[in-house]
Protein backbone atom coordinates (compact mmCIF):
# COMPACT_ATOMS: atom_id res chain seq x y z
CA MET A 1 22.08 9.01 7.51
CA ALA A 2 19.89 6.05 6.78
CA GLU A 3 16.20 5.88 7.73
CA ILE A 4 15.64 3.48 10.91
CA LYS A 5 13.23 0.53 9.84
CA PRO A 6 10.93 -1.06 10.74
CA ASN A 7 8.29 1.42 11.71
CA ILE A 8 5.90 0.23 14.02
CA SER A 9 3.73 1.60 16.69
CA VAL A 10 2.97 -0.09 20.17
CA LYS A 11 -0.38 0.57 22.11
CA TYR A 12 -0.82 -1.27 25.30
CA THR A 13 -4.68 -1.71 26.26
CA ASP A 14 -6.06 -3.43 29.18
CA ASN A 15 -6.58 -6.67 27.35
CA ALA A 16 -3.81 -6.86 24.89
CA THR A 17 -0.69 -5.27 23.30
CA VAL A 18 -1.22 -3.80 19.79
CA LEU A 19 1.62 -3.96 17.41
CA ALA A 20 0.87 -1.78 14.10
CA PHE A 21 2.98 -1.91 11.07
CA THR A 22 3.29 1.38 9.84
CA ASP A 23 5.14 0.64 6.48
CA ARG A 24 3.30 0.06 3.13
CA LYS A 25 5.89 -2.37 2.11
CA ILE A 26 7.77 -4.77 4.41
CA LEU A 27 10.29 -6.31 1.54
CA GLU A 28 13.81 -5.87 2.36
CA GLU A 29 15.64 -8.42 4.39
CA LYS A 30 17.47 -5.85 6.76
CA ASP A 31 13.97 -4.24 7.60
CA ILE A 32 12.41 -8.06 8.57
CA ARG A 33 15.54 -8.64 10.84
CA ALA A 34 15.00 -5.36 12.56
CA LEU A 35 11.35 -6.21 12.62
CA GLN A 36 11.92 -9.61 14.06
CA ASP A 37 14.13 -7.72 16.90
CA SER A 38 11.35 -5.22 17.57
CA VAL A 39 8.59 -7.69 17.92
CA MET A 40 10.51 -10.14 19.75
CA SER A 41 11.49 -7.73 22.46
CA VAL A 42 7.96 -6.74 22.94
CA ILE A 43 7.13 -10.55 23.29
CA ASP A 44 9.74 -10.78 25.52
CA GLN A 45 8.48 -7.92 27.74
CA ALA A 46 5.58 -10.26 29.52
CA ASP A 47 4.71 -13.70 30.00
CA GLU A 48 1.19 -14.75 28.64
CA ILE A 49 1.23 -11.91 26.29
CA GLN A 50 -1.60 -11.16 24.02
CA LEU A 51 -0.55 -9.73 20.99
CA ILE A 52 -2.25 -8.14 18.08
CA LEU A 53 -0.40 -7.54 14.70
CA ASP A 54 -2.08 -4.78 13.00
CA PHE A 55 -1.47 -5.01 9.34
CA GLY A 56 -3.84 -1.99 8.54
CA GLN A 57 -1.26 0.20 6.35
CA VAL A 58 0.78 -2.75 4.92
CA GLU A 59 0.09 -3.49 1.07
CA PHE A 60 2.84 -5.88 0.26
CA LEU A 61 5.01 -8.02 1.96
CA SER A 62 7.61 -10.42 1.14
CA SER A 63 7.60 -14.42 2.00
CA ALA A 64 10.49 -13.75 4.28
CA VAL A 65 7.76 -11.90 6.45
CA LEU A 66 5.39 -15.10 6.70
CA GLY A 67 8.43 -17.14 7.77
CA LEU A 68 8.81 -14.09 10.51
CA LEU A 69 4.93 -14.58 11.52
CA ILE A 70 5.40 -18.40 12.12
CA ARG A 71 8.42 -17.66 14.58
CA ILE A 72 6.49 -14.90 16.32
CA SER A 73 3.52 -17.35 16.74
CA LYS A 74 5.90 -19.99 18.07
CA ARG A 75 7.61 -17.63 20.47
CA ILE A 76 3.95 -16.56 22.04
CA ASN A 77 2.95 -19.97 22.22
CA GLU A 78 6.15 -20.93 23.94
CA LYS A 79 5.14 -18.13 26.58
CA ASN A 80 1.76 -19.19 27.04
CA GLY A 81 0.34 -16.25 25.04
CA LYS A 82 -2.00 -15.70 22.40
CA LEU A 83 -1.51 -13.92 18.87
CA SER A 84 -4.22 -12.40 16.25
CA LEU A 85 -3.61 -10.71 13.05
CA CYS A 86 -5.79 -7.85 11.77
CA HIS A 87 -6.80 -5.55 9.09
CA ILE A 88 -5.16 -7.79 6.44
CA SER A 89 -5.64 -6.78 3.00
CA PRO A 90 -7.58 -8.75 0.64
CA LYS A 91 -4.19 -9.32 -1.61
CA ILE A 92 -2.33 -10.34 1.58
CA TYR A 93 -5.27 -12.34 2.82
CA GLU A 94 -5.10 -14.36 -0.21
CA VAL A 95 -1.42 -15.56 0.17
CA PHE A 96 -2.10 -16.42 3.62
CA ARG A 97 -5.27 -18.67 2.04
CA ILE A 98 -3.19 -20.18 -0.57
CA THR A 99 -0.13 -20.87 1.80
CA GLN A 100 -2.67 -22.17 4.68
CA LEU A 101 -1.78 -19.85 7.22
CA THR A 102 -5.22 -19.01 7.65
CA LYS A 103 -5.54 -22.48 9.46
CA ILE A 104 -2.36 -21.47 11.90
CA PHE A 105 -3.34 -17.67 12.40
CA ASP A 106 -6.42 -16.14 14.10
CA ILE A 107 -7.02 -13.22 11.25
CA GLN A 108 -9.76 -10.80 12.58
CA LYS A 109 -11.47 -7.77 10.99
CA ASP A 110 -9.97 -5.09 13.13
CA VAL A 111 -8.21 -4.41 16.64
CA ASP A 112 -11.50 -4.72 18.78
CA SER A 113 -12.55 -8.12 16.77
CA ALA A 114 -9.31 -9.41 17.82
CA ILE A 115 -9.26 -8.00 21.46
CA SER A 116 -12.81 -9.90 21.77
CA SER A 117 -11.14 -13.02 20.27
CA PHE A 118 -8.81 -13.39 23.14
CA SER A 119 -11.76 -13.92 25.49
CA GLN A 120 -13.46 -16.65 23.57
């Protein structure tokens, strides 16, 4: 039997929902589709969601993930929510910088900083 992907964990705090990616690599199209289904399901559970995407385990991701992040951001904005990304590795941050996604996304050092950014 095939391994079910993507591997994510969801933690609910008083102030935010933290979705952590547990795979080192997010590259395969089928995994990205499954990831989209999982993340959108979490977003659709609440209006005005404050979602933190924790990339602490991620070392590699495909460009298709960048498109997914834009779709996630759009959905959250439609629901008057907030989105923050954290624990972005230097290599992945460089991709965000080159593609100017650092201007679109709130990128924080860690989960606590991301939670604090929601109240600013």
